[in-house]
Amino acid sequence: MSLAVKYIFSIALLAAILIPVSGLAQIVSGQPITTGGRLIFTHWTLDDGSDEIEIDQFAIPLSGLIPLRDNLEMQFYIANVSNDLNLPSNEYSLNGFGDLRLQLSQSLKNDQILMSAGINVPSGKTKLDLTDEWPVVNYLSHNFISLPVRRLGEGPGFNLLLGGAQAWGNIRYGATVMYQMYGKYEAYEDGGDYNPGDMFSVSANADRVWANGSLGLNAIFSAYTADKLDGENIFEQSDQFDLRLNGLYKAGSIDVSGMIRYLFRGRNTRYDSLGAIYDQLKIYGNEFGAYGAVTFMAGRSLAVTPSFELHLINGNEYDFESSSFFGFGTDLTYRFSEMLDTVVGGRYFTGNADDSAIDLSGYQFSAGFTAGF
């Protein structure tokens, strides 16, 4: 596949299937069957000066790529997660599998066009207990803490994606459109049939390549239909515009990469029991993110990658003020062979939420592998 198609479609397919293992979202001629998995433990402490709240998550995501024939491949993703929430008054837990996601992708016309279709197999946990498990879901929804997995089971669903890409000299550019349909399921015990709103997104990408690096711009607009409960509108997520600038620089055995991102969010809509609009306010504020990493080759098989991330989140319109957190850490990657890589890493987080009313601190440890067959 051409460089243009690899760049454009890897972004699009990552968005469609949410596979966290790098390098699995490209149709590459002759690529072997590839699978990757991680064990990720994340801990957060939220301290408001009088009480502390602790959140622990142990996640095991597994993903893979299966070439079916030239220019045709299938990808899969599934995760198991265990969450524990410790409040001053009680302890709660939420454990189980997420849904299995499958994505089939075909490149056409000398790798200038990609067609892709995916399904969500409802194999994950649903019918959650409102008393013992809903409090955990509430904290998983906070965007001022970083967690690898935020949801478990959903209903049956599918997505369709169409994209095109071209290369003109040292410029790579392209665009994709994607439609994601979410099906009905019982989110909580005796809570009725919940039907999440569908999503439609359009993305455009451009990338300038030099001998020792690249600079790219990616823009994604997403719109959503209303969530329904027993056929009645209850909530509609706002439109979003995601703008990203990323770069890569290579100097001998050192790679430097980075990205800055700004996410524009509109107003969400809530409906009353009669289906009329109750209010239209921002639940989440706009968000700025910066990410950077430097990879050093410490030998023929060992790579050391220190990295950082910064998130600045504007306040919402429900009297929750601005938040921010900073994370940094290091990954160690060891290559046993062309077909087997292993990685271990650790990160530390610090920050505050609601205009410094809540102090944030956290850490994360991970270990994983990528293997080809």
Protein backbone atom coordinates (compact mmCIF):
# COMPACT_ATOMS: atom_id res chain seq x y z
CA MET A 1 0.00 0.00 0.00
CA SER A 2 1.21 3.52 -0.76
CA LEU A 3 2.50 5.82 1.98
CA ALA A 4 -0.49 8.13 1.52
CA VAL A 5 -2.99 5.37 2.08
CA LYS A 6 -1.10 4.01 5.10
CA TYR A 7 -1.16 7.41 6.80
CA ILE A 8 -4.75 8.38 6.03
CA PHE A 9 -6.36 5.02 6.62
CA SER A 10 -4.47 4.14 9.79
CA ILE A 11 -6.06 7.18 11.45
CA ALA A 12 -9.51 6.34 10.12
CA LEU A 13 -9.43 2.68 11.12
CA LEU A 14 -8.10 3.44 14.58
CA ALA A 15 -11.12 5.67 15.08
CA ALA A 16 -13.48 3.00 13.77
CA ILE A 17 -12.29 0.00 15.79
CA LEU A 18 -10.37 1.68 18.66
CA ILE A 19 -7.47 -0.77 18.57
CA PRO A 20 -4.82 0.43 21.05
CA VAL A 21 -1.84 -1.52 19.69
CA SER A 22 0.16 0.61 17.28
CA GLY A 23 0.79 -0.57 13.76
CA LEU A 24 -2.30 -2.77 13.46
CA ALA A 25 -4.44 -0.35 11.42
CA GLN A 26 -2.64 -0.47 8.09
CA ILE A 27 -3.15 -2.70 5.08
CA VAL A 28 0.42 -3.71 4.26
CA SER A 29 1.17 -6.27 1.59
CA GLY A 30 2.67 -9.45 3.02
CA GLN A 31 2.03 -8.52 6.64
CA PRO A 32 1.70 -11.57 8.92
CA ILE A 33 -1.09 -12.35 11.36
CA THR A 34 -0.43 -9.99 14.25
CA THR A 35 -1.79 -9.86 17.78
CA GLY A 36 -1.03 -7.67 20.76
CA GLY A 37 -2.16 -7.36 24.34
CA ARG A 38 -1.45 -5.42 27.52
CA LEU A 39 -1.97 -5.58 31.24
CA ILE A 40 -2.66 -2.02 32.45
CA PHE A 41 -3.16 -0.99 36.08
CA THR A 42 -4.24 2.61 36.70
CA HIS A 43 -4.83 4.35 40.04
CA TRP A 44 -6.30 7.81 40.66
CA THR A 45 -6.85 9.76 43.88
CA LEU A 46 -9.29 12.71 44.01
CA ASP A 47 -8.85 14.88 47.12
CA ASP A 48 -11.19 17.82 47.83
CA GLY A 49 -9.46 18.78 51.07
CA SER A 50 -11.79 16.87 53.38
CA ASP A 51 -12.37 13.51 51.63
CA GLU A 52 -10.39 11.27 49.31
CA ILE A 53 -11.85 9.19 46.51
CA GLU A 54 -9.78 6.39 44.96
CA ILE A 55 -10.31 4.70 41.61
CA ASP A 56 -8.44 1.57 40.53
CA GLN A 57 -8.71 -0.01 37.08
CA PHE A 58 -7.05 -3.20 35.86
CA ALA A 59 -7.57 -3.58 32.11
CA ILE A 60 -6.53 -6.33 29.69
CA PRO A 61 -7.10 -5.23 26.07
CA LEU A 62 -6.35 -7.68 23.28
CA SER A 63 -6.29 -6.80 19.58
CA GLY A 64 -5.09 -8.28 16.36
CA LEU A 65 -4.90 -8.23 12.57
CA ILE A 66 -5.58 -11.16 10.23
CA PRO A 67 -4.66 -10.76 6.52
CA LEU A 68 -7.26 -12.65 4.46
CA ARG A 69 -5.75 -12.02 1.04
CA ASP A 70 -3.85 -9.26 -0.75
CA ASN A 71 -5.32 -5.85 0.27
CA LEU A 72 -8.01 -7.48 2.47
CA GLU A 73 -7.70 -7.81 6.24
CA MET A 74 -9.73 -8.26 9.41
CA GLN A 75 -9.03 -6.63 12.77
CA PHE A 76 -10.43 -7.46 16.19
CA TYR A 77 -10.50 -5.86 19.63
CA ILE A 78 -11.82 -6.97 23.03
CA ALA A 79 -10.97 -6.01 26.60
CA ASN A 80 -11.60 -7.27 30.10
CA VAL A 81 -11.68 -4.68 32.86
CA SER A 82 -11.94 -4.58 36.65
CA ASN A 83 -12.86 -1.27 38.35
CA ASP A 84 -12.88 -0.48 42.08
CA LEU A 85 -14.21 2.78 43.51
CA ASN A 86 -13.54 3.72 47.13
CA LEU A 87 -15.72 6.54 48.47
CA PRO A 88 -15.56 7.77 52.08
CA SER A 89 -18.92 6.12 52.76
CA ASN A 90 -18.77 2.96 50.65
CA GLU A 91 -16.89 0.79 48.17
CA TYR A 92 -18.12 -0.21 44.71
CA SER A 93 -16.86 -2.41 41.89
CA LEU A 94 -17.63 -3.00 38.21
CA ASN A 95 -16.01 -5.92 36.40
CA GLY A 96 -16.51 -7.70 33.11
CA PHE A 97 -15.77 -7.87 29.40
CA GLY A 98 -16.36 -5.20 26.83
CA ASP A 99 -17.85 -6.05 23.46
CA LEU A 100 -15.96 -7.80 20.67
CA ARG A 101 -15.31 -5.47 17.73
CA LEU A 102 -14.51 -6.78 14.25
CA GLN A 103 -13.45 -4.67 11.27
CA LEU A 104 -13.05 -5.84 7.66
CA SER A 105 -11.06 -3.56 5.31
CA GLN A 106 -10.40 -3.71 1.57
CA SER A 107 -8.16 -1.37 -0.43
CA LEU A 108 -9.00 -0.75 -4.09
CA LYS A 109 -7.78 1.04 -7.21
CA ASN A 110 -4.05 0.70 -6.65
CA ASP A 111 -4.44 1.46 -2.94
CA GLN A 112 -6.11 4.84 -3.48
CA ILE A 113 -9.49 3.84 -2.02
CA LEU A 114 -10.39 2.03 1.17
CA MET A 115 -13.73 0.43 2.00
CA SER A 116 -14.29 -0.83 5.52
CA ALA A 117 -17.15 -2.33 7.51
CA GLY A 118 -17.22 -3.28 11.16
CA ILE A 119 -19.57 -4.86 13.67
CA ASN A 120 -19.95 -4.63 17.43
CA VAL A 121 -20.75 -8.07 18.87
CA PRO A 122 -22.67 -7.59 22.16
CA SER A 123 -20.54 -9.93 24.27
CA GLY A 124 -19.81 -7.48 27.09
CA LYS A 125 -21.50 -6.85 30.41
CA THR A 126 -24.84 -5.00 30.40
CA LYS A 127 -27.84 -4.73 32.79
CA LEU A 128 -25.72 -3.00 35.42
CA ASP A 129 -26.93 -2.66 38.98
CA LEU A 130 -27.94 0.94 39.72
CA THR A 131 -27.04 0.64 43.42
CA ASP A 132 -23.69 -1.13 43.29
CA GLU A 133 -22.32 -0.44 39.78
CA TRP A 134 -23.71 2.90 38.57
CA PRO A 135 -21.44 4.96 40.91
CA VAL A 136 -18.42 3.43 39.13
CA VAL A 137 -19.82 4.33 35.69
CA ASN A 138 -20.30 7.89 36.92
CA TYR A 139 -16.61 8.27 37.79
CA LEU A 140 -15.47 6.52 34.60
CA SER A 141 -17.21 9.30 32.66
CA HIS A 142 -15.02 12.06 34.17
CA ASN A 143 -12.79 13.45 31.43
CA PHE A 144 -10.30 15.03 33.88
CA ILE A 145 -8.78 11.61 34.65
CA SER A 146 -7.13 9.26 32.15
CA LEU A 147 -8.32 5.62 32.01
CA PRO A 148 -7.71 3.04 29.24
CA VAL A 149 -11.26 1.59 29.28
CA ARG A 150 -14.41 3.59 30.10
CA ARG A 151 -17.24 1.30 28.95
CA LEU A 152 -18.23 -2.35 29.01
CA GLY A 153 -21.03 -3.96 27.05
CA GLU A 154 -23.33 -2.27 24.53
CA GLY A 155 -25.87 -3.37 21.94
CA PRO A 156 -25.28 -4.74 18.44
CA GLY A 157 -23.90 -2.18 16.04
CA PHE A 158 -22.02 -1.64 12.81
CA ASN A 159 -19.94 0.98 11.02
CA LEU A 160 -19.24 1.77 7.37
CA LEU A 161 -16.19 3.73 6.25
CA LEU A 162 -15.11 5.01 2.86
CA GLY A 163 -11.87 6.86 2.25
CA GLY A 164 -9.53 8.06 -0.45
CA ALA A 165 -5.90 9.11 -0.40
CA GLN A 166 -3.30 10.47 -2.81
CA ALA A 167 0.37 11.41 -2.83
CA TRP A 168 1.66 14.47 -4.68
CA GLY A 169 5.41 14.70 -4.42
CA ASN A 170 6.20 14.96 -0.72
CA ILE A 171 2.59 15.74 0.19
CA ARG A 172 0.13 13.04 1.30
CA TYR A 173 -3.53 13.92 1.62
CA GLY A 174 -6.91 12.27 1.84
CA ALA A 175 -10.35 12.16 3.42
CA THR A 176 -12.75 9.66 4.95
CA VAL A 177 -16.43 9.48 5.87
CA MET A 178 -17.78 7.09 8.50
CA TYR A 179 -21.21 6.13 9.82
CA GLN A 180 -21.55 4.30 13.14
CA MET A 181 -24.86 2.73 14.19
CA TYR A 182 -25.44 1.73 17.82
CA GLY A 183 -28.18 -0.78 18.66
CA LYS A 184 -30.54 -1.14 21.61
CA TYR A 185 -29.61 -2.84 24.86
CA GLU A 186 -30.62 -2.84 28.52
CA ALA A 187 -27.97 -0.66 30.13
CA TYR A 188 -29.27 -1.08 33.70
CA GLU A 189 -31.42 -3.73 35.34
CA ASP A 190 -35.10 -2.96 34.71
CA GLY A 191 -34.02 0.32 33.13
CA GLY A 192 -35.74 -0.11 29.77
CA ASP A 193 -34.31 -0.37 26.25
CA TYR A 194 -31.53 2.18 25.78
CA ASN A 195 -30.57 3.10 22.22
CA PRO A 196 -27.45 5.30 21.91
CA GLY A 197 -27.47 7.88 19.14
CA ASP A 198 -25.71 7.07 15.88
CA MET A 199 -22.58 8.93 14.78
CA PHE A 200 -21.51 10.42 11.44
CA SER A 201 -17.97 11.74 11.00
CA VAL A 202 -15.90 13.33 8.22
CA SER A 203 -12.13 13.63 8.37
CA ALA A 204 -9.50 15.32 6.21
CA ASN A 205 -5.75 14.79 6.44
CA ALA A 206 -2.58 16.24 4.97
CA ASP A 207 1.02 15.26 5.63
CA ARG A 208 4.32 16.77 4.46
CA VAL A 209 7.23 14.31 4.38
CA TRP A 210 10.96 15.03 4.50
CA ALA A 211 13.89 12.61 4.48
CA ASN A 212 14.20 12.81 8.28
CA GLY A 213 10.63 13.47 9.40
CA SER A 214 7.09 14.59 8.69
CA LEU A 215 4.47 17.13 9.71
CA GLY A 216 0.77 16.35 9.49
CA LEU A 217 -2.61 17.99 10.03
CA ASN A 218 -5.80 16.05 10.77
CA ALA A 219 -9.33 17.44 11.18
CA ILE A 220 -12.39 15.39 12.20
CA PHE A 221 -15.99 16.60 12.47
CA SER A 222 -18.49 14.33 14.26
CA ALA A 223 -22.26 14.66 14.65
CA TYR A 224 -24.68 12.50 16.65
CA THR A 225 -28.36 11.64 16.71
CA ALA A 226 -30.33 11.55 19.97
CA ASP A 227 -30.10 8.75 22.55
CA LYS A 228 -33.46 7.12 23.20
CA LEU A 229 -34.95 5.24 26.16
CA ASP A 230 -37.93 3.05 25.28
CA GLY A 231 -38.24 5.00 22.03
CA GLU A 232 -38.23 8.50 23.59
CA ASN A 233 -35.42 11.05 23.20
CA ILE A 234 -33.47 11.53 26.43
CA PHE A 235 -30.08 12.99 25.44
CA GLU A 236 -28.18 14.21 22.37
CA GLN A 237 -24.42 14.51 22.34
CA SER A 238 -23.04 17.73 20.91
CA ASP A 239 -21.22 18.03 17.61
CA GLN A 240 -17.44 17.88 17.92
CA PHE A 241 -14.55 19.24 15.88
CA ASP A 242 -11.17 17.61 16.57
CA LEU A 243 -8.08 19.36 15.16
CA ARG A 244 -4.63 17.74 15.46
CA LEU A 245 -1.12 18.73 14.39
CA ASN A 246 1.52 15.99 14.62
CA GLY A 247 5.17 15.72 13.78
CA LEU A 248 8.03 13.22 13.61
CA TYR A 249 11.78 13.85 13.47
CA LYS A 250 14.50 11.20 13.08
CA ALA A 251 18.16 11.74 13.92
CA GLY A 252 20.26 8.59 13.80
CA SER A 253 19.05 6.23 16.52
CA ILE A 254 16.69 8.84 18.04
CA ASP A 255 13.07 9.46 17.05
CA VAL A 256 11.19 12.51 18.33
CA SER A 257 7.41 12.62 17.93
CA GLY A 258 4.71 14.95 19.16
CA MET A 259 1.15 16.13 18.73
CA ILE A 260 -0.97 19.06 19.78
CA ARG A 261 -4.75 18.77 19.74
CA TYR A 262 -7.75 21.01 20.29
CA LEU A 263 -11.22 19.53 20.70
CA PHE A 264 -14.18 21.87 20.20
CA ARG A 265 -17.40 20.70 21.86
CA GLY A 266 -20.87 22.15 21.43
CA ARG A 267 -23.88 22.09 23.73
CA ASN A 268 -25.53 18.82 24.68
CA THR A 269 -29.32 18.50 24.67
CA ARG A 270 -31.32 16.90 27.49
CA TYR A 271 -35.01 15.98 27.13
CA ASP A 272 -37.72 15.69 29.78
CA SER A 273 -40.09 12.72 30.27
CA LEU A 274 -42.43 14.09 27.58
CA GLY A 275 -39.65 14.29 24.96
CA ALA A 276 -39.43 18.09 25.06
CA ILE A 277 -36.04 19.85 25.36
CA TYR A 278 -35.17 20.29 29.03
CA ASP A 279 -31.91 22.20 28.58
CA GLN A 280 -29.03 22.71 26.14
CA LEU A 281 -25.74 23.17 27.99
CA LYS A 282 -22.16 21.96 27.74
CA ILE A 283 -21.49 18.90 29.90
CA TYR A 284 -17.82 18.86 28.86
CA GLY A 285 -15.72 21.92 28.01
CA ASN A 286 -13.34 22.31 25.10
CA GLU A 287 -10.02 20.53 25.55
CA PHE A 288 -6.39 21.20 24.62
CA GLY A 289 -3.88 18.38 24.59
CA ALA A 290 -0.14 18.13 23.99
CA TYR A 291 1.82 14.89 23.66
CA GLY A 292 5.49 14.20 23.12
CA ALA A 293 7.91 11.27 23.12
CA VAL A 294 11.58 10.59 22.40
CA THR A 295 12.73 7.06 21.52
CA PHE A 296 16.37 6.13 22.12
CA MET A 297 17.86 2.88 20.88
CA ALA A 298 19.86 1.62 23.87
CA GLY A 299 21.12 -1.36 21.92
CA ARG A 300 20.20 -3.53 18.95
CA SER A 301 17.03 -4.77 20.65
CA LEU A 302 16.18 -2.31 23.44
CA ALA A 303 14.33 1.00 22.96
CA VAL A 304 13.71 3.53 25.74
CA THR A 305 10.83 5.99 25.23
CA PRO A 306 10.23 8.76 27.78
CA SER A 307 7.01 10.68 27.08
CA PHE A 308 4.65 13.30 28.47
CA GLU A 309 1.05 14.44 28.05
CA LEU A 310 -0.78 17.62 29.04
CA HIS A 311 -4.55 18.14 29.15
CA LEU A 312 -6.25 21.50 29.72
CA ILE A 313 -10.06 21.24 29.93
CA ASN A 314 -12.38 24.23 30.00
CA GLY A 315 -15.22 24.36 32.51
CA ASN A 316 -18.69 23.22 31.55
CA GLU A 317 -22.02 25.06 31.88
CA TYR A 318 -23.14 23.15 34.98
CA ASP A 319 -20.89 25.13 37.36
CA PHE A 320 -17.94 22.73 37.11
CA GLU A 321 -14.85 24.86 36.45
CA SER A 322 -11.68 24.17 34.45
CA SER A 323 -9.42 21.17 35.02
CA SER A 324 -5.94 20.09 34.00
CA PHE A 325 -3.57 17.20 34.44
CA PHE A 326 -0.01 16.37 33.41
CA GLY A 327 1.43 12.90 32.91
CA PHE A 328 4.92 11.63 32.26
CA GLY A 329 6.67 8.27 32.19
CA THR A 330 8.82 5.83 30.25
CA ASP A 331 8.29 2.70 28.16
CA LEU A 332 10.95 0.04 27.62
CA THR A 333 10.52 -2.04 24.47
CA TYR A 334 12.58 -5.18 23.88
CA ARG A 335 12.57 -6.93 20.50
CA PHE A 336 13.21 -10.65 20.84
CA SER A 337 12.83 -11.18 17.09
CA GLU A 338 11.19 -9.70 14.01
CA MET A 339 7.98 -11.36 15.19
CA LEU A 340 7.96 -10.58 18.92
CA ASP A 341 8.17 -7.29 20.83
CA THR A 342 7.55 -6.82 24.54
CA VAL A 343 7.00 -3.55 26.40
CA VAL A 344 6.80 -2.45 30.03
CA GLY A 345 6.05 1.07 31.18
CA GLY A 346 5.09 3.36 34.01
CA ARG A 347 3.47 6.81 34.26
CA TYR A 348 2.71 9.37 36.93
CA PHE A 349 -0.14 11.91 36.81
CA THR A 350 -0.77 15.12 38.69
CA GLY A 351 -3.32 17.88 38.29
CA ASN A 352 -6.48 19.51 39.59
CA ALA A 353 -10.17 19.74 38.75
CA ASP A 354 -12.97 22.27 39.24
CA ASP A 355 -10.63 25.26 39.44
CA SER A 356 -8.27 23.56 41.95
CA ALA A 357 -11.11 22.49 44.28
CA ILE A 358 -10.04 18.87 43.69
CA ASP A 359 -6.41 17.72 43.72
CA LEU A 360 -5.63 14.91 41.27
CA SER A 361 -2.82 12.37 41.46
CA GLY A 362 -2.37 9.00 39.83
CA TYR A 363 -0.04 6.40 38.39
CA GLN A 364 -0.11 3.64 35.80
CA PHE A 365 1.89 0.48 35.18
CA SER A 366 1.66 -1.62 32.02
CA ALA A 367 3.22 -4.65 30.34
CA GLY A 368 2.43 -6.05 26.93
CA PHE A 369 3.49 -7.73 23.72
CA THR A 370 3.07 -7.63 19.95
CA ALA A 371 3.57 -10.91 18.09
CA GLY A 372 3.43 -11.96 14.46
CA PHE A 373 2.77 -15.42 13.06
